[in-house]
Amino acid sequence: MLRFTKAEEQALRLSMRLAETGRLLNLGELAELEQLPEPTVAKLLSMMRRGGIVVAVRGRNGGYELATDPAHISVAAVLKALGSDPAPSHPCLEKDQSQTDCPRLGDCGLRSVWRHLQGQVARLLEGTSLADLLLAEQDVGTHVNNLWPQRADLETAETLAAATGRERLNEGVDFR
């Protein structure tokens, strides 16, 4: 199961807040708006600054802002700024598989599933920008579904059923 750490979630929230306001916000404002402890916000902003996601403006009226337009910052870029791999690899996809305890090192169909899943996750996170995340939830859902459709349309399901000789398992479900 793909899981995001609390820090990754918080960094994405901070990035979204900066994108939403479109102005400088100081550490205290960000902490209050996102209901996070200031030390946590400071640590995350420092990592995001080093990763090129935010810039810090010094001085009395200083604060933090996004380094570029929110449409040009992907979810994957924010995660990478924290040192995370947005689409972590499965051990059986590693080049050096001598460290794995799996007896199916030679030829395994499961490896194709992990490879496909890793690619889809990477595509979704790279293809979703902070600007996308600020859309209404339904619009974000449409965007995500365009990148990674959740269900096959009726023709595809019927074609698959006919090709495999299986009855439709989801009888009565409208795939349109």
Protein backbone atom coordinates (compact mmCIF):
# COMPACT_ATOMS: atom_id res chain seq x y z
CA MET A 1 0.00 0.00 0.00
CA LEU A 2 1.32 3.42 -0.94
CA ARG A 3 1.60 5.64 2.11
CA PHE A 4 2.63 9.22 2.61
CA THR A 5 4.38 10.32 5.75
CA LYS A 6 2.94 13.00 7.99
CA ALA A 7 5.76 15.33 6.89
CA GLU A 8 4.94 14.76 3.19
CA GLU A 9 1.27 15.53 3.82
CA GLN A 10 2.17 18.65 5.81
CA ALA A 11 4.60 19.88 3.13
CA LEU A 12 1.91 19.48 0.49
CA ARG A 13 -0.55 21.40 2.67
CA LEU A 14 1.96 24.22 3.19
CA SER A 15 2.66 24.35 -0.54
CA MET A 16 -1.05 24.47 -1.30
CA ARG A 17 -1.52 27.30 1.22
CA LEU A 18 1.25 29.33 -0.42
CA ALA A 19 -0.25 28.66 -3.85
CA GLU A 20 -3.72 29.60 -2.63
CA THR A 21 -2.72 32.93 -1.06
CA GLY A 22 -0.25 33.95 -3.76
CA ARG A 23 1.58 36.22 -1.33
CA LEU A 24 4.34 36.09 1.26
CA LEU A 25 3.40 34.31 4.45
CA ASN A 26 5.63 34.22 7.46
CA LEU A 27 6.32 31.13 9.51
CA GLY A 28 3.81 32.04 12.22
CA GLU A 29 1.03 32.67 9.70
CA LEU A 30 1.64 29.36 7.96
CA ALA A 31 1.75 27.50 11.27
CA GLU A 32 -1.53 29.08 12.37
CA LEU A 33 -3.32 28.60 9.05
CA GLU A 34 -2.32 24.95 8.79
CA GLN A 35 -2.57 24.30 12.55
CA LEU A 36 0.97 22.98 12.77
CA PRO A 37 3.72 23.61 15.33
CA GLU A 38 6.13 26.35 14.23
CA PRO A 39 9.24 24.11 14.55
CA THR A 40 7.61 21.60 12.16
CA VAL A 41 6.76 24.35 9.67
CA ALA A 42 10.29 25.76 9.92
CA LYS A 43 11.86 22.36 9.23
CA LEU A 44 9.59 21.65 6.26
CA LEU A 45 10.05 25.12 4.74
CA SER A 46 13.82 24.73 5.07
CA MET A 47 13.70 21.44 3.16
CA MET A 48 11.36 22.89 0.54
CA ARG A 49 13.62 25.93 0.13
CA ARG A 50 16.65 23.71 -0.46
CA GLY A 51 14.54 21.68 -2.90
CA GLY A 52 13.58 24.77 -4.90
CA ILE A 53 9.87 24.74 -4.03
CA VAL A 54 9.79 27.92 -1.93
CA VAL A 55 11.92 31.01 -1.57
CA ALA A 56 12.52 32.88 1.65
CA VAL A 57 12.39 36.66 1.70
CA ARG A 58 14.31 38.17 4.61
CA GLY A 59 13.46 41.27 6.51
CA ARG A 60 10.69 42.76 8.55
CA ASN A 61 8.05 42.07 5.92
CA GLY A 62 9.64 38.82 4.80
CA GLY A 63 8.24 35.37 4.63
CA TYR A 64 7.92 32.48 2.23
CA GLU A 65 6.43 32.16 -1.21
CA LEU A 66 6.49 29.59 -3.98
CA ALA A 67 9.59 29.70 -6.15
CA THR A 68 7.51 29.58 -9.33
CA ASP A 69 3.95 29.45 -10.58
CA PRO A 70 1.88 26.73 -8.83
CA ALA A 71 1.02 25.26 -12.24
CA HIS A 72 4.72 24.45 -12.67
CA ILE A 73 5.21 22.67 -9.33
CA SER A 74 4.14 19.03 -9.29
CA VAL A 75 3.17 17.00 -6.26
CA ALA A 76 6.18 14.82 -7.09
CA ALA A 77 8.49 17.87 -6.92
CA VAL A 78 7.28 18.71 -3.41
CA LEU A 79 7.85 15.12 -2.29
CA LYS A 80 11.31 15.07 -3.89
CA ALA A 81 12.20 18.29 -2.04
CA LEU A 82 11.72 16.36 1.19
CA GLY A 83 14.05 13.65 -0.05
CA SER A 84 11.20 11.26 -0.73
CA ASP A 85 10.76 9.04 -3.74
CA PRO A 86 7.29 9.89 -5.09
CA ALA A 87 6.89 6.44 -6.61
CA PRO A 88 8.96 4.10 -4.46
CA SER A 89 10.27 0.98 -6.06
CA HIS A 90 9.40 -2.52 -4.99
CA PRO A 91 12.37 -4.71 -3.96
CA CYS A 92 11.84 -7.08 -6.90
CA LEU A 93 12.36 -4.14 -9.31
CA GLU A 94 15.81 -3.33 -8.01
CA LYS A 95 18.74 -4.07 -10.34
CA ASP A 96 20.56 -5.99 -7.61
CA GLN A 97 18.05 -8.60 -6.54
CA SER A 98 20.59 -10.65 -4.63
CA GLN A 99 19.40 -9.03 -1.40
CA THR A 100 15.80 -10.22 -1.78
CA ASP A 101 14.47 -13.40 -0.23
CA CYS A 102 12.05 -14.10 -3.08
CA PRO A 103 12.53 -17.47 -4.78
CA ARG A 104 11.08 -16.12 -8.08
CA LEU A 105 14.01 -14.05 -9.25
CA GLY A 106 14.07 -15.40 -12.79
CA ASP A 107 10.63 -14.82 -14.26
CA CYS A 108 7.66 -13.53 -12.28
CA GLY A 109 4.43 -11.97 -13.48
CA LEU A 110 4.09 -10.03 -10.24
CA ARG A 111 7.11 -7.92 -11.19
CA SER A 112 5.11 -6.53 -14.13
CA VAL A 113 2.33 -5.48 -11.76
CA TRP A 114 4.76 -3.65 -9.46
CA ARG A 115 6.46 -1.98 -12.44
CA HIS A 116 3.12 -0.81 -13.86
CA LEU A 117 1.91 0.45 -10.49
CA GLN A 118 5.15 2.36 -9.92
CA GLY A 119 4.83 3.99 -13.36
CA GLN A 120 1.19 4.96 -12.82
CA VAL A 121 1.90 6.49 -9.42
CA ALA A 122 4.84 8.47 -10.85
CA ARG A 123 2.70 9.65 -13.78
CA LEU A 124 -0.10 10.77 -11.45
CA LEU A 125 2.17 12.66 -9.05
CA GLU A 126 4.26 14.25 -11.84
CA GLY A 127 1.11 15.18 -13.76
CA THR A 128 -0.64 16.86 -10.85
CA SER A 129 0.42 20.41 -9.99
CA LEU A 130 -0.26 22.55 -6.95
CA ALA A 131 -2.59 24.60 -9.13
CA ASP A 132 -4.53 21.41 -9.91
CA LEU A 133 -4.91 20.72 -6.19
CA LEU A 134 -6.57 24.11 -5.68
CA LEU A 135 -9.46 23.25 -7.99
CA ALA A 136 -12.78 22.10 -6.56
CA GLU A 137 -12.53 18.52 -5.29
CA GLN A 138 -14.72 17.19 -8.10
CA ASP A 139 -12.49 18.87 -10.70
CA VAL A 140 -9.38 17.42 -9.08
CA GLY A 141 -11.09 14.02 -9.22
CA THR A 142 -11.70 14.48 -12.94
CA HIS A 143 -8.06 15.50 -13.48
CA VAL A 144 -6.80 12.48 -11.55
CA ASN A 145 -9.19 10.15 -13.37
CA ASN A 146 -7.89 11.48 -16.70
CA LEU A 147 -4.35 10.58 -15.63
CA TRP A 148 -5.29 7.23 -14.12
CA PRO A 149 -8.81 6.04 -14.98
CA GLN A 150 -10.48 4.06 -12.21
CA ARG A 151 -12.70 1.86 -14.28
CA ALA A 152 -12.93 0.50 -17.78
CA ASP A 153 -15.72 1.63 -20.04
CA LEU A 154 -18.46 -0.82 -20.99
CA GLU A 155 -16.93 -1.80 -24.35
CA THR A 156 -13.56 -2.60 -22.78
CA ALA A 157 -15.17 -4.70 -20.04
CA GLU A 158 -17.31 -6.62 -22.53
CA THR A 159 -14.36 -7.13 -24.88
CA LEU A 160 -12.24 -8.47 -22.03
CA ALA A 161 -15.03 -10.79 -20.90
CA ALA A 162 -15.51 -12.12 -24.44
CA ALA A 163 -11.76 -12.56 -24.97
CA THR A 164 -11.30 -14.48 -21.74
CA GLY A 165 -14.52 -16.45 -22.05
CA ARG A 166 -15.63 -15.25 -18.63
CA GLU A 167 -19.00 -13.90 -17.67
CA ARG A 168 -19.15 -10.31 -16.52
CA LEU A 169 -18.60 -10.35 -12.79
CA ASN A 170 -20.21 -6.97 -12.35
CA GLU A 171 -23.57 -7.76 -13.90
CA GLY A 172 -25.88 -4.78 -13.59
CA VAL A 173 -23.02 -2.30 -13.10
CA ASP A 174 -23.02 0.51 -15.63
CA PHE A 175 -19.40 1.22 -16.61
CA ARG A 176 -20.27 4.42 -18.47
